Amino acid sequence: EKNIPVLLGLLSIWNVSFLGHPARAILPYSQALEKFAPHIQQVSMESNGKGVSIDGMPLPFEAGEIDFGEPGTNGQHSFYQLIHQGRVIPCDFIGSAKSQQPIHLKGEVVSNHDELMSNFFAQPDALAFGKTPEELHE
């Protein structure tokens, strides 16, 4: 119940094997985690990407998932369009309560971290609830 790695592993199995979603987007909203998605790609896809059992027999199910991602605001200007309007891709959004390098510019109402976090919360909300076709034409 409280073991995050186990829960993420079970979600991966559920998404790939039962829902048929072969990919997962890893979306850290922190520049300090810019290498996190490539790290998970290497660890997860190398470990779980085998299509045969320990005995060399083909597996009767899909193994592993395709992991990809970018820091949130970079991804917003590239593959988010596909996620929002093209395909169902489970997403792991990762944010932090405090910035490692907070910047509050004089005259700005919010800090850079608060602005980043507003994007962090808005993206999953838009994916979960979206807009109706009628709302898109308003």
N, C-alpha and C. Protein backbone atom coordinates (compact mmCIF):
# COMPACT_ATOMS: atom_id res chain seq x y z
N GLU A 1 0.80 -1.20 0.00
CA GLU A 1 0.00 0.00 0.00
C GLU A 1 0.85 1.26 0.00
N LYS A 2 1.97 1.24 0.69
CA LYS A 2 2.78 2.45 0.85
C LYS A 2 4.13 2.34 0.17
N ASN A 3 4.36 1.28 -0.58
CA ASN A 3 5.64 1.07 -1.24
C ASN A 3 5.56 1.61 -2.67
N ILE A 4 6.05 2.82 -2.88
CA ILE A 4 5.91 3.50 -4.17
C ILE A 4 6.52 2.70 -5.32
N PRO A 5 7.73 2.14 -5.20
CA PRO A 5 8.27 1.34 -6.32
C PRO A 5 7.38 0.15 -6.69
N VAL A 6 6.82 -0.53 -5.69
CA VAL A 6 5.93 -1.66 -5.98
C VAL A 6 4.66 -1.17 -6.68
N LEU A 7 4.09 -0.07 -6.20
CA LEU A 7 2.89 0.48 -6.83
C LEU A 7 3.15 0.88 -8.27
N LEU A 8 4.30 1.51 -8.53
CA LEU A 8 4.64 1.89 -9.90
C LEU A 8 4.84 0.67 -10.79
N GLY A 9 5.45 -0.38 -10.24
CA GLY A 9 5.62 -1.62 -11.00
C GLY A 9 4.28 -2.25 -11.34
N LEU A 10 3.37 -2.28 -10.37
CA LEU A 10 2.04 -2.83 -10.62
C LEU A 10 1.27 -1.99 -11.64
N LEU A 11 1.41 -0.67 -11.55
CA LEU A 11 0.77 0.20 -12.55
C LEU A 11 1.31 -0.08 -13.94
N SER A 12 2.60 -0.31 -14.04
CA SER A 12 3.22 -0.62 -15.33
C SER A 12 2.63 -1.91 -15.91
N ILE A 13 2.55 -2.94 -15.09
CA ILE A 13 1.97 -4.22 -15.55
C ILE A 13 0.52 -4.01 -15.97
N TRP A 14 -0.24 -3.27 -15.19
CA TRP A 14 -1.64 -3.01 -15.49
C TRP A 14 -1.77 -2.26 -16.82
N ASN A 15 -0.99 -1.20 -16.97
CA ASN A 15 -1.10 -0.38 -18.18
C ASN A 15 -0.70 -1.14 -19.44
N VAL A 16 0.36 -1.94 -19.36
CA VAL A 16 0.85 -2.67 -20.53
C VAL A 16 0.00 -3.91 -20.80
N SER A 17 -0.17 -4.74 -19.80
CA SER A 17 -0.80 -6.05 -20.00
C SER A 17 -2.32 -6.02 -20.08
N PHE A 18 -2.95 -5.15 -19.32
CA PHE A 18 -4.41 -5.16 -19.27
C PHE A 18 -5.05 -4.03 -20.06
N LEU A 19 -4.42 -2.86 -20.07
CA LEU A 19 -5.00 -1.73 -20.80
C LEU A 19 -4.41 -1.58 -22.20
N GLY A 20 -3.30 -2.26 -22.47
CA GLY A 20 -2.70 -2.21 -23.80
C GLY A 20 -1.98 -0.92 -24.14
N HIS A 21 -1.47 -0.23 -23.13
CA HIS A 21 -0.71 1.00 -23.36
C HIS A 21 0.78 0.66 -23.29
N PRO A 22 1.48 0.65 -24.43
CA PRO A 22 2.87 0.18 -24.43
C PRO A 22 3.90 1.21 -23.96
N ALA A 23 3.49 2.46 -23.77
CA ALA A 23 4.47 3.51 -23.44
C ALA A 23 4.07 4.23 -22.16
N ARG A 24 5.07 4.91 -21.57
CA ARG A 24 4.85 5.75 -20.40
C ARG A 24 5.71 6.99 -20.54
N ALA A 25 5.11 8.13 -20.27
CA ALA A 25 5.86 9.39 -20.28
C ALA A 25 6.27 9.73 -18.85
N ILE A 26 7.54 10.07 -18.69
CA ILE A 26 8.08 10.48 -17.39
C ILE A 26 8.36 11.97 -17.49
N LEU A 27 7.63 12.76 -16.70
CA LEU A 27 7.62 14.21 -16.89
C LEU A 27 7.99 14.94 -15.60
N PRO A 28 9.30 15.07 -15.34
CA PRO A 28 9.71 15.80 -14.15
C PRO A 28 9.64 17.31 -14.38
N TYR A 29 9.00 18.01 -13.48
CA TYR A 29 8.94 19.47 -13.56
C TYR A 29 10.04 20.04 -12.68
N SER A 30 11.27 19.74 -13.07
CA SER A 30 12.45 20.22 -12.36
C SER A 30 13.65 20.02 -13.28
N GLN A 31 14.37 21.08 -13.53
CA GLN A 31 15.54 20.97 -14.39
C GLN A 31 16.61 20.09 -13.75
N ALA A 32 16.59 20.02 -12.41
CA ALA A 32 17.55 19.15 -11.72
C ALA A 32 17.33 17.68 -12.07
N LEU A 33 16.14 17.33 -12.56
CA LEU A 33 15.83 15.95 -12.93
C LEU A 33 15.84 15.75 -14.44
N GLU A 34 16.56 16.59 -15.16
CA GLU A 34 16.54 16.50 -16.62
C GLU A 34 17.06 15.16 -17.15
N LYS A 35 17.90 14.48 -16.40
CA LYS A 35 18.43 13.18 -16.82
C LYS A 35 17.65 12.00 -16.23
N PHE A 36 16.58 12.28 -15.50
CA PHE A 36 15.83 11.21 -14.86
C PHE A 36 15.14 10.30 -15.87
N ALA A 37 14.46 10.86 -16.85
CA ALA A 37 13.77 10.03 -17.86
C ALA A 37 14.76 9.13 -18.62
N PRO A 38 15.89 9.66 -19.11
CA PRO A 38 16.85 8.76 -19.76
C PRO A 38 17.39 7.68 -18.82
N HIS A 39 17.54 8.01 -17.54
CA HIS A 39 18.00 7.01 -16.57
C HIS A 39 16.97 5.89 -16.43
N ILE A 40 15.71 6.26 -16.29
CA ILE A 40 14.65 5.26 -16.17
C ILE A 40 14.55 4.44 -17.46
N GLN A 41 14.74 5.10 -18.61
CA GLN A 41 14.75 4.36 -19.88
C GLN A 41 15.77 3.24 -19.83
N GLN A 42 16.96 3.57 -19.41
CA GLN A 42 18.05 2.58 -19.40
C GLN A 42 17.76 1.48 -18.39
N VAL A 43 17.41 1.84 -17.18
CA VAL A 43 17.19 0.85 -16.12
C VAL A 43 15.99 -0.04 -16.43
N SER A 44 14.87 0.57 -16.75
CA SER A 44 13.64 -0.19 -16.94
C SER A 44 13.62 -0.97 -18.24
N MET A 45 13.99 -0.32 -19.33
CA MET A 45 13.88 -0.99 -20.62
C MET A 45 14.94 -2.07 -20.80
N GLU A 46 16.11 -1.88 -20.21
CA GLU A 46 17.13 -2.93 -20.30
C GLU A 46 16.72 -4.14 -19.46
N SER A 47 16.20 -3.87 -18.27
CA SER A 47 15.81 -4.96 -17.38
C SER A 47 14.55 -5.67 -17.83
N ASN A 48 13.57 -4.91 -18.29
CA ASN A 48 12.25 -5.48 -18.58
C ASN A 48 11.99 -5.67 -20.07
N GLY A 49 12.96 -5.44 -20.89
CA GLY A 49 12.74 -5.49 -22.33
C GLY A 49 12.97 -6.83 -22.99
N LYS A 50 13.13 -7.84 -22.20
CA LYS A 50 13.38 -9.16 -22.78
C LYS A 50 12.06 -9.85 -23.11
N GLY A 51 11.99 -10.47 -24.28
CA GLY A 51 10.77 -11.15 -24.71
C GLY A 51 10.79 -12.64 -24.49
N VAL A 52 11.79 -13.12 -23.75
CA VAL A 52 11.88 -14.57 -23.48
C VAL A 52 12.07 -14.79 -21.98
N SER A 53 11.68 -15.97 -21.54
CA SER A 53 11.83 -16.33 -20.13
C SER A 53 13.28 -16.72 -19.85
N ILE A 54 13.56 -17.03 -18.61
CA ILE A 54 14.90 -17.47 -18.22
C ILE A 54 15.30 -18.76 -18.94
N ASP A 55 14.29 -19.53 -19.38
CA ASP A 55 14.53 -20.78 -20.11
C ASP A 55 14.66 -20.56 -21.62
N GLY A 56 14.57 -19.31 -22.05
CA GLY A 56 14.66 -19.01 -23.48
C GLY A 56 13.36 -19.19 -24.25
N MET A 57 12.26 -19.38 -23.54
CA MET A 57 10.95 -19.56 -24.17
C MET A 57 10.30 -18.19 -24.37
N PRO A 58 9.62 -17.98 -25.51
CA PRO A 58 8.92 -16.71 -25.73
C PRO A 58 7.86 -16.48 -24.64
N LEU A 59 7.79 -15.24 -24.17
CA LEU A 59 6.80 -14.90 -23.15
C LEU A 59 5.42 -14.82 -23.79
N PRO A 60 4.39 -15.26 -23.08
CA PRO A 60 3.03 -15.20 -23.62
C PRO A 60 2.36 -13.84 -23.40
N PHE A 61 3.14 -12.84 -23.02
CA PHE A 61 2.61 -11.50 -22.75
C PHE A 61 3.67 -10.47 -23.11
N GLU A 62 3.25 -9.22 -23.19
CA GLU A 62 4.18 -8.13 -23.46
C GLU A 62 5.05 -7.90 -22.23
N ALA A 63 6.32 -7.67 -22.44
CA ALA A 63 7.24 -7.42 -21.34
C ALA A 63 7.72 -5.97 -21.38
N GLY A 64 7.62 -5.31 -20.27
CA GLY A 64 8.13 -3.95 -20.16
C GLY A 64 7.30 -2.94 -20.94
N GLU A 65 7.70 -1.71 -20.80
CA GLU A 65 7.03 -0.62 -21.50
C GLU A 65 8.09 0.29 -22.10
N ILE A 66 7.68 1.11 -23.02
CA ILE A 66 8.57 2.09 -23.64
C ILE A 66 8.52 3.33 -22.77
N ASP A 67 9.64 3.70 -22.19
CA ASP A 67 9.71 4.88 -21.34
C ASP A 67 10.37 6.02 -22.10
N PHE A 68 9.79 7.21 -22.00
CA PHE A 68 10.40 8.39 -22.60
C PHE A 68 9.98 9.59 -21.76
N GLY A 69 10.64 10.71 -21.98
CA GLY A 69 10.24 11.91 -21.26
C GLY A 69 11.27 13.02 -21.37
N GLU A 70 10.87 14.14 -20.87
CA GLU A 70 11.66 15.38 -20.84
C GLU A 70 11.21 16.16 -19.62
N PRO A 71 12.03 17.07 -19.15
CA PRO A 71 11.51 17.99 -18.15
C PRO A 71 10.24 18.66 -18.69
N GLY A 72 9.26 18.82 -17.82
CA GLY A 72 7.93 19.25 -18.21
C GLY A 72 7.80 20.35 -19.24
N THR A 73 8.43 21.48 -19.00
CA THR A 73 8.23 22.59 -19.93
C THR A 73 8.89 22.34 -21.28
N ASN A 74 9.93 21.51 -21.34
CA ASN A 74 10.51 21.13 -22.64
C ASN A 74 9.53 20.25 -23.39
N GLY A 75 8.96 19.27 -22.70
CA GLY A 75 8.02 18.35 -23.32
C GLY A 75 6.75 19.03 -23.78
N GLN A 76 6.34 20.10 -23.07
CA GLN A 76 5.13 20.82 -23.45
C GLN A 76 5.22 21.36 -24.87
N HIS A 77 6.42 21.60 -25.33
CA HIS A 77 6.59 22.17 -26.67
C HIS A 77 6.98 21.11 -27.69
N SER A 78 6.86 19.83 -27.33
CA SER A 78 7.17 18.78 -28.30
C SER A 78 6.09 17.71 -28.29
N PHE A 79 6.20 16.71 -27.46
CA PHE A 79 5.32 15.54 -27.56
C PHE A 79 4.01 15.66 -26.78
N TYR A 80 3.81 16.72 -26.02
CA TYR A 80 2.55 16.86 -25.29
C TYR A 80 1.35 16.90 -26.23
N GLN A 81 1.53 17.44 -27.43
CA GLN A 81 0.43 17.48 -28.40
C GLN A 81 -0.09 16.07 -28.66
N LEU A 82 0.82 15.12 -28.84
CA LEU A 82 0.44 13.73 -29.06
C LEU A 82 -0.29 13.17 -27.84
N ILE A 83 0.20 13.48 -26.66
CA ILE A 83 -0.43 12.98 -25.44
C ILE A 83 -1.83 13.57 -25.27
N HIS A 84 -1.98 14.86 -25.57
CA HIS A 84 -3.27 15.52 -25.39
C HIS A 84 -4.30 15.12 -26.45
N GLN A 85 -3.85 14.95 -27.69
CA GLN A 85 -4.82 14.78 -28.77
C GLN A 85 -4.61 13.55 -29.64
N GLY A 86 -3.55 12.79 -29.41
CA GLY A 86 -3.26 11.70 -30.32
C GLY A 86 -3.45 10.31 -29.75
N ARG A 87 -2.80 10.01 -28.65
CA ARG A 87 -2.82 8.65 -28.09
C ARG A 87 -2.96 8.71 -26.58
N VAL A 88 -3.44 7.61 -26.03
CA VAL A 88 -3.46 7.48 -24.57
C VAL A 88 -2.09 6.99 -24.14
N ILE A 89 -1.40 7.82 -23.39
CA ILE A 89 -0.08 7.47 -22.87
C ILE A 89 -0.08 7.78 -21.37
N PRO A 90 0.02 6.75 -20.54
CA PRO A 90 0.11 7.01 -19.10
C PRO A 90 1.32 7.92 -18.81
N CYS A 91 1.12 8.85 -17.90
CA CYS A 91 2.16 9.84 -17.59
C CYS A 91 2.47 9.85 -16.10
N ASP A 92 3.74 9.92 -15.78
CA ASP A 92 4.18 10.13 -14.40
C ASP A 92 4.67 11.57 -14.30
N PHE A 93 3.88 12.42 -13.65
CA PHE A 93 4.26 13.81 -13.42
C PHE A 93 5.01 13.87 -12.10
N ILE A 94 6.17 14.52 -12.09
CA ILE A 94 7.01 14.59 -10.90
C ILE A 94 7.30 16.05 -10.61
N GLY A 95 6.95 16.51 -9.43
CA GLY A 95 7.20 17.89 -9.05
C GLY A 95 7.85 17.95 -7.68
N SER A 96 8.27 19.14 -7.30
CA SER A 96 8.89 19.31 -5.98
C SER A 96 8.23 20.47 -5.25
N ALA A 97 8.12 20.32 -3.94
CA ALA A 97 7.48 21.35 -3.14
C ALA A 97 8.32 22.62 -3.08
N LYS A 98 9.65 22.46 -3.11
CA LYS A 98 10.55 23.61 -3.04
C LYS A 98 11.56 23.53 -4.17
N SER A 99 11.93 24.67 -4.68
CA SER A 99 12.94 24.75 -5.74
C SER A 99 14.34 24.72 -5.14
N GLN A 100 15.26 24.08 -5.86
CA GLN A 100 16.65 24.12 -5.42
C GLN A 100 17.27 25.48 -5.72
N GLN A 101 16.74 26.16 -6.72
CA GLN A 101 17.27 27.46 -7.11
C GLN A 101 16.12 28.44 -7.32
N PRO A 102 15.49 28.89 -6.23
CA PRO A 102 14.35 29.79 -6.37
C PRO A 102 14.76 31.14 -6.93
N ILE A 103 13.97 31.63 -7.85
CA ILE A 103 14.20 32.95 -8.43
C ILE A 103 12.90 33.73 -8.34
N HIS A 104 12.95 34.88 -7.73
CA HIS A 104 11.78 35.75 -7.67
C HIS A 104 12.21 37.10 -8.25
N LEU A 105 11.80 37.35 -9.46
CA LEU A 105 12.19 38.58 -10.14
C LEU A 105 11.39 39.76 -9.61
N LYS A 106 12.06 40.88 -9.47
CA LYS A 106 11.41 42.09 -8.99
C LYS A 106 10.28 42.47 -9.95
N GLY A 107 9.14 42.75 -9.40
CA GLY A 107 8.01 43.14 -10.22
C GLY A 107 7.14 41.98 -10.69
N GLU A 108 7.62 40.77 -10.51
CA GLU A 108 6.83 39.59 -10.90
C GLU A 108 5.95 39.17 -9.71
N VAL A 109 4.74 38.77 -10.01
CA VAL A 109 3.80 38.40 -8.97
C VAL A 109 4.15 37.06 -8.33
N VAL A 110 4.64 36.12 -9.14
CA VAL A 110 4.96 34.79 -8.62
C VAL A 110 6.41 34.44 -8.94
N SER A 111 6.95 33.52 -8.17
CA SER A 111 8.33 33.06 -8.42
C SER A 111 8.35 32.12 -9.61
N ASN A 112 9.54 31.85 -10.11
CA ASN A 112 9.67 30.91 -11.23
C ASN A 112 9.16 29.53 -10.84
N HIS A 113 9.39 29.12 -9.61
CA HIS A 113 8.93 27.80 -9.15
C HIS A 113 7.41 27.74 -9.08
N ASP A 114 6.78 28.80 -8.60
CA ASP A 114 5.32 28.82 -8.54
C ASP A 114 4.72 28.77 -9.94
N GLU A 115 5.33 29.46 -10.87
CA GLU A 115 4.86 29.42 -12.26
C GLU A 115 5.03 28.01 -12.84
N LEU A 116 6.17 27.40 -12.57
CA LEU A 116 6.41 26.03 -13.03
C LEU A 116 5.39 25.07 -12.43
N MET A 117 5.10 25.23 -11.14
CA MET A 117 4.14 24.35 -10.48
C MET A 117 2.72 24.56 -11.01
N SER A 118 2.40 25.77 -11.45
CA SER A 118 1.07 25.97 -12.05
C SER A 118 0.96 25.16 -13.33
N ASN A 119 2.04 25.07 -14.11
CA ASN A 119 2.05 24.20 -15.30
C ASN A 119 1.98 22.74 -14.89
N PHE A 120 2.71 22.38 -13.85
CA PHE A 120 2.73 21.00 -13.34
C PHE A 120 1.31 20.52 -13.00
N PHE A 121 0.53 21.36 -12.33
CA PHE A 121 -0.83 20.97 -11.95
C PHE A 121 -1.81 21.08 -13.11
N ALA A 122 -1.58 22.01 -14.02
CA ALA A 122 -2.51 22.21 -15.14
C ALA A 122 -2.46 21.08 -16.16
N GLN A 123 -1.29 20.54 -16.43
CA GLN A 123 -1.17 19.51 -17.47
C GLN A 123 -1.94 18.23 -17.13
N PRO A 124 -1.76 17.64 -15.95
CA PRO A 124 -2.56 16.44 -15.66
C PRO A 124 -4.05 16.73 -15.61
N ASP A 125 -4.41 17.93 -15.15
CA ASP A 125 -5.82 18.32 -15.13
C ASP A 125 -6.38 18.35 -16.55
N ALA A 126 -5.63 18.94 -17.47
CA ALA A 126 -6.07 19.00 -18.87
C ALA A 126 -6.16 17.60 -19.48
N LEU A 127 -5.21 16.73 -19.15
CA LEU A 127 -5.26 15.36 -19.66
C LEU A 127 -6.45 14.59 -19.09
N ALA A 128 -6.72 14.78 -17.83
CA ALA A 128 -7.79 14.02 -17.18
C ALA A 128 -9.17 14.49 -17.61
N PHE A 129 -9.33 15.80 -17.80
CA PHE A 129 -10.67 16.33 -18.03
C PHE A 129 -10.86 16.95 -19.41
N GLY A 130 -9.78 17.46 -20.00
CA GLY A 130 -9.82 17.98 -21.36
C GLY A 130 -10.94 18.96 -21.62
N LYS A 131 -11.33 19.05 -22.89
CA LYS A 131 -12.42 19.91 -23.32
C LYS A 131 -13.31 19.13 -24.27
N THR A 132 -14.56 19.46 -24.27
CA THR A 132 -15.48 18.84 -25.21
C THR A 132 -15.25 19.44 -26.59
N PRO A 133 -15.69 18.78 -27.66
CA PRO A 133 -15.55 19.37 -29.00
C PRO A 133 -16.19 20.75 -29.09
N GLU A 134 -17.29 20.96 -28.38
CA GLU A 134 -17.96 22.26 -28.39
C GLU A 134 -17.08 23.34 -27.76
N GLU A 135 -16.43 22.99 -26.65
CA GLU A 135 -15.56 23.95 -25.97
C GLU A 135 -14.36 24.33 -26.84
N LEU A 136 -13.89 23.41 -27.66
CA LEU A 136 -12.75 23.70 -28.53
C LEU A 136 -13.09 24.74 -29.59
N HIS A 137 -14.37 24.83 -29.96
CA HIS A 137 -14.77 25.76 -31.02
C HIS A 137 -15.21 27.12 -30.48
N GLU A 138 -15.19 27.30 -29.16
CA GLU A 138 -15.59 28.59 -28.57
C GLU A 138 -14.51 29.63 -28.74
